[in-house]
Amino acid sequence: MSSLTPFESGDTAQRASDADRDRVAAVLGEGLATGRLTSVEHADRLEAAYTAVTVGDLVPLTRDLPSTLGSSSSGFSAEQQEVAAVFSKVIRSGRWVAGRHTTLRSTFGALIIDLTDAVLPGREVTLELNSFCGKLIVRVPANARVIDEGSAVFSKRHVSGGAQGGDPDGPLIRVTGRAMFGKVVVSREAQWHWPWRDS
């Protein structure tokens, strides 16, 4: 049994959709995050997933991996995830699995997110950044392309690393959300000045 069980009705010649490929990418990302796959194995399988033509091409990629994406007890969702800092300071970095739609919320607090080592479940990820009287700082991978669709009211908003930069084969990060009386910074600068190093 694999993550593509719903499709395994004997017709593995069915052409794969982008959603099918993204589901496989999410399982592979979980495999990398939990140490079941090496970074090389993950990269090879991810490339195979996004070049797959049929469902039959996708099935072998996750056959030896458990899929807990549908389990509420796993604490992991390939679709949505939320990280919040309310009257507090929250830092998330290192290897962690982001959702395809990740909501980051800072209310009278500071939320600092580093995606450079995070596992992104697919080629396109939406970051909804909502800051109210707070600070929200995100570092994206060096090969990422960034599209800013957010807004700000009485706030400082700085989003760099537009779609024209990065790697054409790298992840596309769509930034949405709203800053009110706060600060939002999104960057892929190599020389990143992490605020917590001064505190």
Protein backbone atom coordinates (compact mmCIF):
# COMPACT_ATOMS: atom_id res chain seq x y z
CA MET A 1 0.00 0.00 0.00
CA SER A 2 1.37 3.42 -0.95
CA SER A 3 0.35 7.05 -0.83
CA LEU A 4 -1.32 6.51 -4.19
CA THR A 5 -3.63 3.76 -2.94
CA PRO A 6 -6.78 5.63 -4.10
CA PHE A 7 -5.48 5.43 -7.67
CA GLU A 8 -4.47 1.78 -7.56
CA SER A 9 -7.56 0.36 -9.18
CA GLY A 10 -5.45 -1.58 -11.66
CA ASP A 11 -5.24 1.34 -14.07
CA THR A 12 -1.71 2.56 -13.44
CA ALA A 13 -1.58 3.80 -17.03
CA GLN A 14 -3.79 6.71 -16.00
CA ARG A 15 -1.96 9.98 -16.59
CA ALA A 16 -0.74 11.66 -13.39
CA SER A 17 -1.99 15.11 -12.42
CA ASP A 18 -0.04 17.89 -10.72
CA ALA A 19 -1.96 17.08 -7.52
CA ASP A 20 -0.80 13.44 -7.76
CA ARG A 21 2.81 14.57 -8.13
CA ASP A 22 2.46 16.98 -5.20
CA ARG A 23 1.04 14.21 -2.98
CA VAL A 24 4.07 12.04 -3.75
CA ALA A 25 6.39 15.01 -3.12
CA ALA A 26 4.79 15.49 0.31
CA VAL A 27 5.39 11.83 1.25
CA LEU A 28 8.98 12.08 0.03
CA GLY A 29 9.45 15.26 2.07
CA GLU A 30 8.18 13.48 5.15
CA GLY A 31 10.59 10.62 4.42
CA LEU A 32 13.50 13.08 4.30
CA ALA A 33 12.39 14.90 7.45
CA THR A 34 12.10 11.65 9.43
CA GLY A 35 15.43 10.25 8.22
CA ARG A 36 13.99 7.47 6.06
CA LEU A 37 15.52 9.01 2.93
CA THR A 38 18.92 10.60 2.45
CA SER A 39 19.07 13.99 0.77
CA VAL A 40 20.38 12.34 -2.41
CA GLU A 41 17.59 9.75 -2.44
CA HIS A 42 15.05 12.49 -1.82
CA ALA A 43 16.39 14.63 -4.66
CA ASP A 44 16.41 11.69 -7.09
CA ARG A 45 12.90 10.59 -6.22
CA LEU A 46 11.56 14.14 -6.25
CA GLU A 47 12.94 14.66 -9.74
CA ALA A 48 11.37 11.37 -10.84
CA ALA A 49 8.04 12.45 -9.31
CA TYR A 50 7.90 15.71 -11.21
CA THR A 51 8.87 14.07 -14.51
CA ALA A 52 6.39 11.19 -14.07
CA VAL A 53 3.81 10.83 -16.82
CA THR A 54 1.52 8.14 -15.38
CA VAL A 55 0.33 7.06 -11.95
CA GLY A 56 2.32 3.87 -12.54
CA ASP A 57 5.48 5.99 -12.67
CA LEU A 58 4.66 7.47 -9.26
CA VAL A 59 3.68 4.36 -7.31
CA PRO A 60 7.21 2.89 -6.87
CA LEU A 61 8.57 6.18 -5.50
CA THR A 62 6.73 5.85 -2.19
CA ARG A 63 6.10 2.11 -1.96
CA ASP A 64 8.78 1.65 0.74
CA LEU A 65 7.67 4.70 2.73
CA PRO A 66 4.85 4.91 5.27
CA SER A 67 2.32 7.62 4.55
CA THR A 68 0.95 9.41 7.61
CA LEU A 69 -0.27 12.42 5.67
CA GLY A 70 -3.87 11.53 6.37
CA SER A 71 -3.30 10.81 10.05
CA SER A 72 -4.39 13.52 12.45
CA SER A 73 -2.07 12.11 15.12
CA SER A 74 1.03 12.69 13.03
CA GLY A 75 0.91 16.47 13.46
CA PHE A 76 1.82 16.83 9.78
CA SER A 77 -0.30 18.12 6.94
CA ALA A 78 0.89 18.32 3.37
CA GLU A 79 -1.81 20.89 2.70
CA GLN A 80 -1.95 23.35 5.57
CA GLN A 81 0.12 24.30 8.57
CA GLU A 82 0.16 27.24 10.97
CA VAL A 83 2.89 28.72 13.16
CA ALA A 84 2.00 31.57 15.50
CA ALA A 85 3.71 33.89 17.96
CA VAL A 86 1.33 35.71 20.29
CA PHE A 87 2.96 37.95 22.92
CA SER A 88 6.05 35.77 22.48
CA LYS A 89 9.09 35.06 20.33
CA VAL A 90 9.05 31.92 18.19
CA ILE A 91 11.94 30.66 16.04
CA ARG A 92 11.66 27.77 13.61
CA SER A 93 14.72 26.62 11.69
CA GLY A 94 16.59 23.49 10.67
CA ARG A 95 14.85 20.54 9.04
CA TRP A 96 11.06 20.74 9.31
CA VAL A 97 8.21 20.05 6.93
CA ALA A 98 6.22 23.05 5.73
CA GLY A 99 2.65 22.77 4.46
CA ARG A 100 1.70 23.58 0.90
CA HIS A 101 -0.19 26.50 2.45
CA THR A 102 1.62 27.69 5.58
CA THR A 103 0.11 30.46 7.69
CA LEU A 104 2.56 32.47 9.78
CA ARG A 105 1.01 34.80 12.35
CA SER A 106 2.64 37.28 14.68
CA THR A 107 0.51 39.23 17.17
CA PHE A 108 2.43 41.46 19.58
CA GLY A 109 5.34 39.06 19.13
CA ALA A 110 8.23 38.01 16.92
CA LEU A 111 8.08 35.04 14.55
CA ILE A 112 11.33 34.08 12.79
CA ILE A 113 11.20 31.33 10.17
CA ASP A 114 14.10 29.81 8.23
CA LEU A 115 13.06 27.75 5.20
CA THR A 116 16.56 27.09 3.89
CA ASP A 117 16.69 23.56 5.34
CA ALA A 118 12.93 22.97 5.45
CA VAL A 119 11.25 20.30 3.34
CA LEU A 120 8.82 21.95 0.91
CA PRO A 121 6.00 19.63 -0.23
CA GLY A 122 5.86 20.57 -3.90
CA ARG A 123 7.10 23.09 -6.39
CA GLU A 124 4.78 25.85 -5.23
CA VAL A 125 4.19 26.90 -1.64
CA THR A 126 1.99 29.70 -0.34
CA LEU A 127 3.09 31.59 2.76
CA GLU A 128 0.31 33.62 4.35
CA LEU A 129 2.09 36.19 6.52
CA ASN A 130 -0.15 38.03 8.97
CA SER A 131 1.44 40.48 11.39
CA PHE A 132 -0.48 42.67 13.82
CA CYS A 133 1.74 44.84 16.01
CA GLY A 134 4.42 42.20 15.59
CA LYS A 135 7.52 41.22 13.66
CA LEU A 136 7.58 38.42 11.08
CA ILE A 137 10.87 37.49 9.37
CA VAL A 138 11.24 34.70 6.81
CA ARG A 139 14.37 33.45 5.08
CA VAL A 140 13.65 31.50 1.87
CA PRO A 141 15.99 29.06 0.07
CA ALA A 142 18.62 30.57 -2.22
CA ASN A 143 17.09 28.88 -5.29
CA ALA A 144 13.53 30.01 -4.54
CA ARG A 145 11.48 32.38 -6.66
CA VAL A 146 9.24 34.72 -4.68
CA ILE A 147 5.97 36.35 -5.72
CA ASP A 148 4.60 38.99 -3.35
CA GLU A 149 0.82 39.33 -3.24
CA GLY A 150 0.51 40.72 0.30
CA SER A 151 -0.41 44.12 1.69
CA ALA A 152 0.52 46.43 4.53
CA VAL A 153 -1.22 49.14 6.58
CA PHE A 154 0.96 51.41 8.74
CA SER A 155 3.66 48.76 8.54
CA LYS A 156 7.09 48.02 7.14
CA ARG A 157 6.98 45.32 4.48
CA HIS A 158 10.10 44.20 2.60
CA VAL A 159 9.94 41.18 0.28
CA SER A 160 13.02 40.49 -1.84
CA GLY A 161 14.05 37.68 -4.16
CA GLY A 162 11.43 38.18 -6.85
CA ALA A 163 10.36 35.64 -9.47
CA GLN A 164 13.06 36.87 -11.87
CA GLY A 165 15.75 35.65 -9.50
CA GLY A 166 16.42 32.21 -8.10
CA ASP A 167 16.55 28.95 -10.01
CA PRO A 168 13.89 28.31 -12.69
CA ASP A 169 13.67 24.76 -11.33
CA GLY A 170 13.59 25.93 -7.71
CA PRO A 171 10.45 26.26 -5.58
CA LEU A 172 7.97 29.06 -6.20
CA ILE A 173 6.99 30.79 -2.95
CA ARG A 174 3.85 32.88 -3.14
CA VAL A 175 3.65 35.41 -0.29
CA THR A 176 0.20 36.62 0.76
CA GLY A 177 -1.29 38.06 3.94
CA ARG A 178 -1.44 41.44 5.62
CA ALA A 179 0.70 43.47 7.98
CA MET A 180 -0.97 45.99 10.28
CA PHE A 181 1.18 48.16 12.55
CA GLY A 182 3.92 45.56 12.20
CA LYS A 183 6.92 44.45 10.21
CA VAL A 184 7.25 41.73 7.56
CA VAL A 185 10.58 40.80 5.97
CA VAL A 186 11.08 38.02 3.40
CA SER A 187 14.55 37.51 1.94
CA ARG A 188 16.92 34.92 0.54
CA GLU A 189 20.06 36.92 1.32
CA ALA A 190 23.13 34.72 1.74
CA GLN A 191 24.45 36.96 4.50
CA TRP A 192 21.32 36.93 6.63
CA HIS A 193 21.43 38.94 9.83
CA TRP A 194 19.46 36.84 12.28
CA PRO A 195 17.84 39.08 14.92
CA TRP A 196 18.11 36.54 17.76
CA ARG A 197 21.91 36.62 17.60
CA ASP A 198 21.78 40.06 19.18
CA SER A 199 19.45 39.04 21.97
